[in-house]
């Protein structure tokens, strides 16, 4: 579905975050662990859609499972597929097809970038950098990744929605 894309990232206690994505037809939710720098990986993955690589992959550790996001950029469109693997430590080199597809959608890059940025900026406004680190524990808030994605998004997408420019 091409409208109604929503994305949320909510810290939920020491070292955990709730990640939700929905497109008006279906929705997916994971409880993500701090074992990886998950929010930064997400921001870098979406930011990579502005480069020459047509496919971007990143994973969230669900302890012990893996949620692998595969973003396939095709011009201004992005195919998003989330695969689930039973054990992240055993699935590191596994091809995507060995996982179970649990959610997929095709969305405009401008919309995906916008909702991801909006969610990250919301986390920063709510917790601040110190509060984020206190909750996420292993990794600081990914300020540079937010700044990079925002710069690419505004430069290449011509997004007319409001953006939080107060971010450091």
Protein backbone atom coordinates (compact mmCIF):
# COMPACT_ATOMS: atom_id res chain seq x y z
CA UNK A 1 0.00 0.00 0.00
CA UNK A 2 1.32 3.45 -0.87
CA UNK A 3 -0.20 5.56 1.86
CA UNK A 4 -0.58 5.45 5.57
CA UNK A 5 3.01 4.38 6.26
CA UNK A 6 3.73 4.65 9.97
CA UNK A 7 6.90 3.89 11.87
CA UNK A 8 7.65 4.04 15.57
CA UNK A 9 10.68 3.52 17.79
CA UNK A 10 10.02 3.56 21.52
CA UNK A 11 12.54 2.84 24.23
CA UNK A 12 11.10 0.34 26.67
CA UNK A 13 13.44 -0.20 29.55
CA UNK A 14 17.13 -0.83 29.87
CA UNK A 15 18.40 -2.08 26.53
CA UNK A 16 15.08 -2.63 24.73
CA UNK A 17 13.03 -0.78 22.12
CA UNK A 18 9.68 -1.41 20.46
CA UNK A 19 9.91 -1.05 16.68
CA UNK A 20 6.63 -0.81 14.75
CA UNK A 21 5.97 -0.40 11.05
CA UNK A 22 2.57 -0.36 9.34
CA UNK A 23 1.30 0.54 5.91
CA UNK A 24 -2.48 0.72 6.23
CA UNK A 25 -2.87 -2.93 5.23
CA UNK A 26 -0.68 -4.70 7.75
CA UNK A 27 1.67 -3.98 10.59
CA UNK A 28 4.72 -5.55 12.19
CA UNK A 29 6.26 -5.10 15.63
CA UNK A 30 9.49 -6.32 17.20
CA UNK A 31 11.08 -5.86 20.61
CA UNK A 32 14.67 -5.00 19.69
CA UNK A 33 17.75 -5.54 21.88
CA UNK A 34 20.66 -3.20 22.45
CA UNK A 35 23.11 -5.92 21.37
CA UNK A 36 23.42 -4.00 18.11
CA UNK A 37 23.27 -0.26 17.44
CA UNK A 38 19.83 -0.87 15.96
CA UNK A 39 18.53 2.69 15.51
CA UNK A 40 21.80 3.77 13.88
CA UNK A 41 21.70 0.69 11.61
CA UNK A 42 18.16 1.58 10.55
CA UNK A 43 19.10 5.20 9.80
CA UNK A 44 22.19 4.15 7.84
CA UNK A 45 20.18 1.54 5.94
CA UNK A 46 17.55 4.06 4.86
CA UNK A 47 20.26 6.64 4.13
CA UNK A 48 22.01 4.11 1.90
CA UNK A 49 19.01 4.18 -0.43
CA UNK A 50 20.34 7.49 -1.74
CA UNK A 51 23.55 5.87 -3.00
CA UNK A 52 24.23 3.51 -5.85
CA UNK A 53 23.61 0.26 -3.97
CA UNK A 54 20.16 -1.03 -4.89
CA UNK A 55 19.78 -3.26 -1.82
CA UNK A 56 20.40 -2.38 1.82
CA UNK A 57 20.30 -4.93 4.66
CA UNK A 58 20.48 -4.55 8.41
CA UNK A 59 19.40 -6.71 11.31
CA UNK A 60 17.88 -6.24 14.73
CA UNK A 61 18.81 -8.63 17.50
CA UNK A 62 15.65 -9.92 19.18
CA UNK A 63 17.58 -12.22 21.54
CA UNK A 64 17.85 -14.84 20.24
CA UNK A 65 15.96 -14.25 17.00
CA UNK A 66 16.96 -11.94 14.15
CA UNK A 67 14.74 -9.48 12.30
CA UNK A 68 16.50 -8.77 9.00
CA UNK A 69 15.30 -5.77 7.02
CA UNK A 70 15.93 -5.80 3.28
CA UNK A 71 15.35 -2.52 1.45
CA UNK A 72 15.33 -2.68 -2.34
CA UNK A 73 15.58 0.75 -3.88
CA UNK A 74 14.23 1.22 -7.38
CA UNK A 75 14.33 4.91 -8.20
CA UNK A 76 11.93 6.67 -5.91
CA UNK A 77 10.30 3.40 -4.72
CA UNK A 78 11.50 1.09 -1.97
CA UNK A 79 10.51 -2.52 -1.47
CA UNK A 80 10.69 -3.32 2.24
CA UNK A 81 10.78 -6.94 3.42
CA UNK A 82 11.40 -8.07 6.99
CA UNK A 83 12.61 -11.65 7.47
CA UNK A 84 12.67 -13.47 10.79
CA UNK A 85 15.33 -16.01 11.69
CA UNK A 86 15.12 -18.18 14.80
CA UNK A 87 18.67 -17.52 16.02
CA UNK A 88 20.70 -14.46 15.10
CA UNK A 89 24.01 -16.15 15.91
CA UNK A 90 23.23 -18.98 13.46
CA UNK A 91 21.71 -16.84 10.69
CA UNK A 92 24.49 -14.27 10.24
CA UNK A 93 25.54 -15.49 6.77
CA UNK A 94 22.22 -17.12 5.84
CA UNK A 95 20.56 -15.97 2.63
CA UNK A 96 17.38 -13.94 3.09
CA UNK A 97 15.27 -16.79 1.71
CA UNK A 98 16.18 -19.00 4.69
CA UNK A 99 14.26 -16.64 6.93
CA UNK A 100 10.49 -16.33 7.13
CA UNK A 101 9.10 -13.19 5.50
CA UNK A 102 6.96 -11.52 8.19
CA UNK A 103 6.15 -8.13 6.62
CA UNK A 104 6.54 -6.44 3.26
CA UNK A 105 5.45 -3.29 1.51
CA UNK A 106 6.48 -0.99 -1.32
CA UNK A 107 6.65 2.69 -0.42
CA UNK A 108 7.99 5.93 -1.83
CA UNK A 109 11.51 6.58 -0.55
CA UNK A 110 10.45 10.09 0.48
CA UNK A 111 7.80 8.67 2.81
CA UNK A 112 9.99 5.92 4.31
CA UNK A 113 12.79 8.40 5.00
CA UNK A 114 10.39 10.89 6.49
CA UNK A 115 8.71 8.51 8.94
CA UNK A 116 12.04 7.02 10.07
CA UNK A 117 13.48 10.51 10.64
CA UNK A 118 10.36 11.59 12.46
CA UNK A 119 10.56 8.59 14.81
CA UNK A 120 14.26 9.11 15.56
CA UNK A 121 13.75 12.82 16.23
CA UNK A 122 10.82 12.00 18.50
CA UNK A 123 13.02 9.67 20.56
CA UNK A 124 15.64 12.40 20.91
CA UNK A 125 13.06 15.03 21.93
CA UNK A 126 11.56 12.67 24.52
CA UNK A 127 14.78 11.32 26.07
CA UNK A 128 17.63 13.63 25.05
CA UNK A 129 21.06 12.19 24.34
CA UNK A 130 21.80 11.41 28.00
CA UNK A 131 18.42 9.79 28.57
CA UNK A 132 18.78 7.72 25.39
CA UNK A 133 22.16 6.39 26.51
CA UNK A 134 20.79 5.65 29.98
CA UNK A 135 17.97 3.58 28.41
CA UNK A 136 19.79 2.04 25.43
CA UNK A 137 22.96 1.46 27.51
CA UNK A 138 25.40 0.17 24.86
CA UNK A 139 25.22 2.91 22.22
CA UNK A 140 24.75 6.70 22.21
CA UNK A 141 21.96 8.36 20.25
CA UNK A 142 22.99 8.32 16.55
CA UNK A 143 23.06 12.09 16.00
CA UNK A 144 25.32 11.93 12.91
CA UNK A 145 23.14 9.26 11.26
CA UNK A 146 20.01 11.40 11.78
CA UNK A 147 21.78 14.45 10.38
CA UNK A 148 23.01 12.49 7.34
CA UNK A 149 19.59 11.02 6.55
CA UNK A 150 17.87 14.37 7.00
CA UNK A 151 20.40 16.06 4.66
CA UNK A 152 19.98 13.38 1.98
CA UNK A 153 16.20 13.33 2.35
CA UNK A 154 15.84 17.09 2.00
CA UNK A 155 18.36 17.34 -0.86
CA UNK A 156 17.08 14.47 -2.99
CA UNK A 157 13.41 14.06 -2.13
CA UNK A 158 12.20 17.65 -1.97
CA UNK A 159 10.05 16.68 1.00
CA UNK A 160 7.62 19.45 1.86
CA UNK A 161 6.72 18.10 5.31
CA UNK A 162 8.03 19.76 8.45
CA UNK A 163 11.38 18.61 9.79
CA UNK A 164 12.89 19.11 13.21
CA UNK A 165 15.82 21.36 12.39
CA UNK A 166 16.72 21.91 16.05
CA UNK A 167 18.60 18.61 16.16
CA UNK A 168 22.27 19.23 17.05
